[in-house]
Amino acid sequence: MNDVIEIKVFGRTYKIKVKGEEDEEYISRLTSYVDQKMQEIAVKSRSEDPTKIAVLAALNIADEYFLSRMRLDKVDERIDRMEAEIATVESNLFKDEHA
């Protein structure tokens, strides 16, 4: 089931369709985050062009996303190394028990 809700970003109201499983509170948090980023960019850039502000905000959000992905990838690599080390230790313990 698709619902239409209204969101407000940077002073403009938009109607968007959301899937039934999407939580309106979550959509509200996303909306607030995007609006906050646009407000910050508007102050820093001193621009009044909403398109420019939206693009700059999108670039900032994309940068945050990519940095988070890189950190997550590093954590995944560490976990993989730790799992390999654990497997080696378990293997050595198993050998020692049967020797």
C-alpha atoms as a PDB file:
ATOM      1  CA  MET A   1       0.000   0.000   0.000  1.00  0.00           C
ATOM      2  CA  ASN A   2       1.388   3.411  -0.987  1.00  0.00           C
ATOM      3  CA  ASP A   3       0.581   6.493   1.068  1.00  0.00           C
ATOM      4  CA  VAL A   4       1.160  10.092   0.092  1.00  0.00           C
ATOM      5  CA  ILE A   5       2.621  12.299   2.785  1.00  0.00           C
ATOM      6  CA  GLU A   6       3.678  15.911   2.819  1.00  0.00           C
ATOM      7  CA  ILE A   7       7.201  16.891   3.735  1.00  0.00           C
ATOM      8  CA  LYS A   8       8.736  20.325   4.045  1.00  0.00           C
ATOM      9  CA  VAL A   9      12.319  20.976   2.998  1.00  0.00           C
ATOM     10  CA  PHE A  10      13.934  24.393   2.827  1.00  0.00           C
ATOM     11  CA  GLY A  11      10.608  26.160   3.078  1.00  0.00           C
ATOM     12  CA  ARG A  12       8.902  24.179   0.307  1.00  0.00           C
ATOM     13  CA  THR A  13       6.272  21.512   0.730  1.00  0.00           C
ATOM     14  CA  TYR A  14       6.413  18.310  -1.298  1.00  0.00           C
ATOM     15  CA  LYS A  15       4.045  15.402  -1.568  1.00  0.00           C
ATOM     16  CA  ILE A  16       5.823  12.064  -1.752  1.00  0.00           C
ATOM     17  CA  LYS A  17       4.657   8.480  -1.990  1.00  0.00           C
ATOM     18  CA  VAL A  18       5.917   6.131   0.671  1.00  0.00           C
ATOM     19  CA  LYS A  19       5.700   2.380   0.752  1.00  0.00           C
ATOM     20  CA  GLY A  20       3.525   0.849   3.414  1.00  0.00           C
ATOM     21  CA  GLU A  21       6.509  -0.478   5.352  1.00  0.00           C
ATOM     22  CA  GLU A  22       8.262   2.890   5.514  1.00  0.00           C
ATOM     23  CA  ASP A  23       7.834   4.565   8.848  1.00  0.00           C
ATOM     24  CA  GLU A  24       6.593   8.154   8.694  1.00  0.00           C
ATOM     25  CA  GLU A  25       8.809   8.990  11.681  1.00  0.00           C
ATOM     26  CA  TYR A  26      11.831   7.762   9.714  1.00  0.00           C
ATOM     27  CA  ILE A  27      10.804   9.864   6.700  1.00  0.00           C
ATOM     28  CA  SER A  28      10.431  12.821   9.046  1.00  0.00           C
ATOM     29  CA  ARG A  29      13.976  12.277  10.351  1.00  0.00           C
ATOM     30  CA  LEU A  30      15.329  12.125   6.787  1.00  0.00           C
ATOM     31  CA  THR A  31      13.418  15.276   5.888  1.00  0.00           C
ATOM     32  CA  SER A  32      14.760  17.111   8.927  1.00  0.00           C
ATOM     33  CA  TYR A  33      18.310  16.027   8.117  1.00  0.00           C
ATOM     34  CA  VAL A  34      18.118  17.229   4.506  1.00  0.00           C
ATOM     35  CA  ASP A  35      16.491  20.485   5.584  1.00  0.00           C
ATOM     36  CA  GLN A  36      19.198  21.039   8.208  1.00  0.00           C
ATOM     37  CA  LYS A  37      21.941  20.427   5.640  1.00  0.00           C
ATOM     38  CA  MET A  38      20.336  22.863   3.210  1.00  0.00           C
ATOM     39  CA  GLN A  39      19.997  25.504   5.935  1.00  0.00           C
ATOM     40  CA  GLU A  40      23.684  25.073   6.855  1.00  0.00           C
ATOM     41  CA  ILE A  41      24.759  25.375   3.213  1.00  0.00           C
ATOM     42  CA  ALA A  42      22.600  28.447   2.685  1.00  0.00           C
ATOM     43  CA  VAL A  43      24.302  30.182   5.616  1.00  0.00           C
ATOM     44  CA  LYS A  44      27.827  29.121   4.630  1.00  0.00           C
ATOM     45  CA  SER A  45      27.498  29.829   0.916  1.00  0.00           C
ATOM     46  CA  ARG A  46      25.395  32.952   1.324  1.00  0.00           C
ATOM     47  CA  SER A  47      23.530  31.831  -1.767  1.00  0.00           C
ATOM     48  CA  GLU A  48      19.834  32.338  -2.304  1.00  0.00           C
ATOM     49  CA  ASP A  49      19.624  29.930  -5.229  1.00  0.00           C
ATOM     50  CA  PRO A  50      17.701  26.893  -3.897  1.00  0.00           C
ATOM     51  CA  THR A  51      18.993  24.648  -6.689  1.00  0.00           C
ATOM     52  CA  LYS A  52      22.612  25.473  -5.893  1.00  0.00           C
ATOM     53  CA  ILE A  53      21.935  24.957  -2.185  1.00  0.00           C
ATOM     54  CA  ALA A  54      20.262  21.601  -2.878  1.00  0.00           C
ATOM     55  CA  VAL A  55      23.173  20.411  -5.031  1.00  0.00           C
ATOM     56  CA  LEU A  56      25.753  21.480  -2.456  1.00  0.00           C
ATOM     57  CA  ALA A  57      23.752  19.794   0.316  1.00  0.00           C
ATOM     58  CA  ALA A  58      23.482  16.628  -1.789  1.00  0.00           C
ATOM     59  CA  LEU A  59      27.253  16.654  -2.322  1.00  0.00           C
ATOM     60  CA  ASN A  60      27.834  17.057   1.421  1.00  0.00           C
ATOM     61  CA  ILE A  61      25.458  14.206   2.204  1.00  0.00           C
ATOM     62  CA  ALA A  62      27.084  12.027  -0.477  1.00  0.00           C
ATOM     63  CA  ASP A  63      30.497  12.789   1.049  1.00  0.00           C
ATOM     64  CA  GLU A  64      29.238  11.722   4.487  1.00  0.00           C
ATOM     65  CA  TYR A  65      27.837   8.546   2.967  1.00  0.00           C
ATOM     66  CA  PHE A  66      31.052   7.634   1.126  1.00  0.00           C
ATOM     67  CA  LEU A  67      33.191   8.294   4.207  1.00  0.00           C
ATOM     68  CA  SER A  68      30.855   6.112   6.273  1.00  0.00           C
ATOM     69  CA  ARG A  69      31.040   3.346   3.654  1.00  0.00           C
ATOM     70  CA  MET A  70      34.849   3.490   3.695  1.00  0.00           C
ATOM     71  CA  ARG A  71      34.862   3.213   7.493  1.00  0.00           C
ATOM     72  CA  LEU A  72      32.409   0.325   7.358  1.00  0.00           C
ATOM     73  CA  ASP A  73      34.527  -1.435   4.728  1.00  0.00           C
ATOM     74  CA  LYS A  74      37.578  -1.097   7.003  1.00  0.00           C
ATOM     75  CA  VAL A  75      35.606  -2.542   9.918  1.00  0.00           C
ATOM     76  CA  ASP A  76      34.471  -5.428   7.705  1.00  0.00           C
ATOM     77  CA  GLU A  77      38.093  -6.086   6.712  1.00  0.00           C
ATOM     78  CA  ARG A  78      39.153  -6.120  10.366  1.00  0.00           C
ATOM     79  CA  ILE A  79      36.353  -8.521  11.217  1.00  0.00           C
ATOM     80  CA  ASP A  80      37.384 -10.808   8.348  1.00  0.00           C
ATOM     81  CA  ARG A  81      40.995 -10.800   9.593  1.00  0.00           C
ATOM     82  CA  MET A  82      39.882 -11.507  13.155  1.00  0.00           C
ATOM     83  CA  GLU A  83      37.649 -14.360  12.004  1.00  0.00           C
ATOM     84  CA  ALA A  84      40.589 -15.846  10.070  1.00  0.00           C
ATOM     85  CA  GLU A  85      42.816 -15.534  13.153  1.00  0.00           C
ATOM     86  CA  ILE A  86      40.164 -17.183  15.316  1.00  0.00           C
ATOM     87  CA  ALA A  87      39.838 -20.023  12.820  1.00  0.00           C
ATOM     88  CA  THR A  88      43.620 -20.510  12.882  1.00  0.00           C
ATOM     89  CA  VAL A  89      43.696 -20.547  16.682  1.00  0.00           C
ATOM     90  CA  GLU A  90      40.784 -23.010  16.793  1.00  0.00           C
ATOM     91  CA  SER A  91      42.518 -25.210  14.245  1.00  0.00           C
ATOM     92  CA  ASN A  92      45.748 -25.190  16.255  1.00  0.00           C
ATOM     93  CA  LEU A  93      43.871 -25.977  19.469  1.00  0.00           C
ATOM     94  CA  PHE A  94      42.087 -28.844  17.757  1.00  0.00           C
ATOM     95  CA  LYS A  95      45.409 -30.228  16.505  1.00  0.00           C
ATOM     96  CA  ASP A  96      46.968 -29.936  19.982  1.00  0.00           C
ATOM     97  CA  GLU A  97      44.038 -31.782  21.586  1.00  0.00           C
ATOM     98  CA  HIS A  98      44.413 -34.694  19.192  1.00  0.00           C
ATOM     99  CA  ALA A  99      48.197 -34.894  19.230  1.00  0.00           C
END
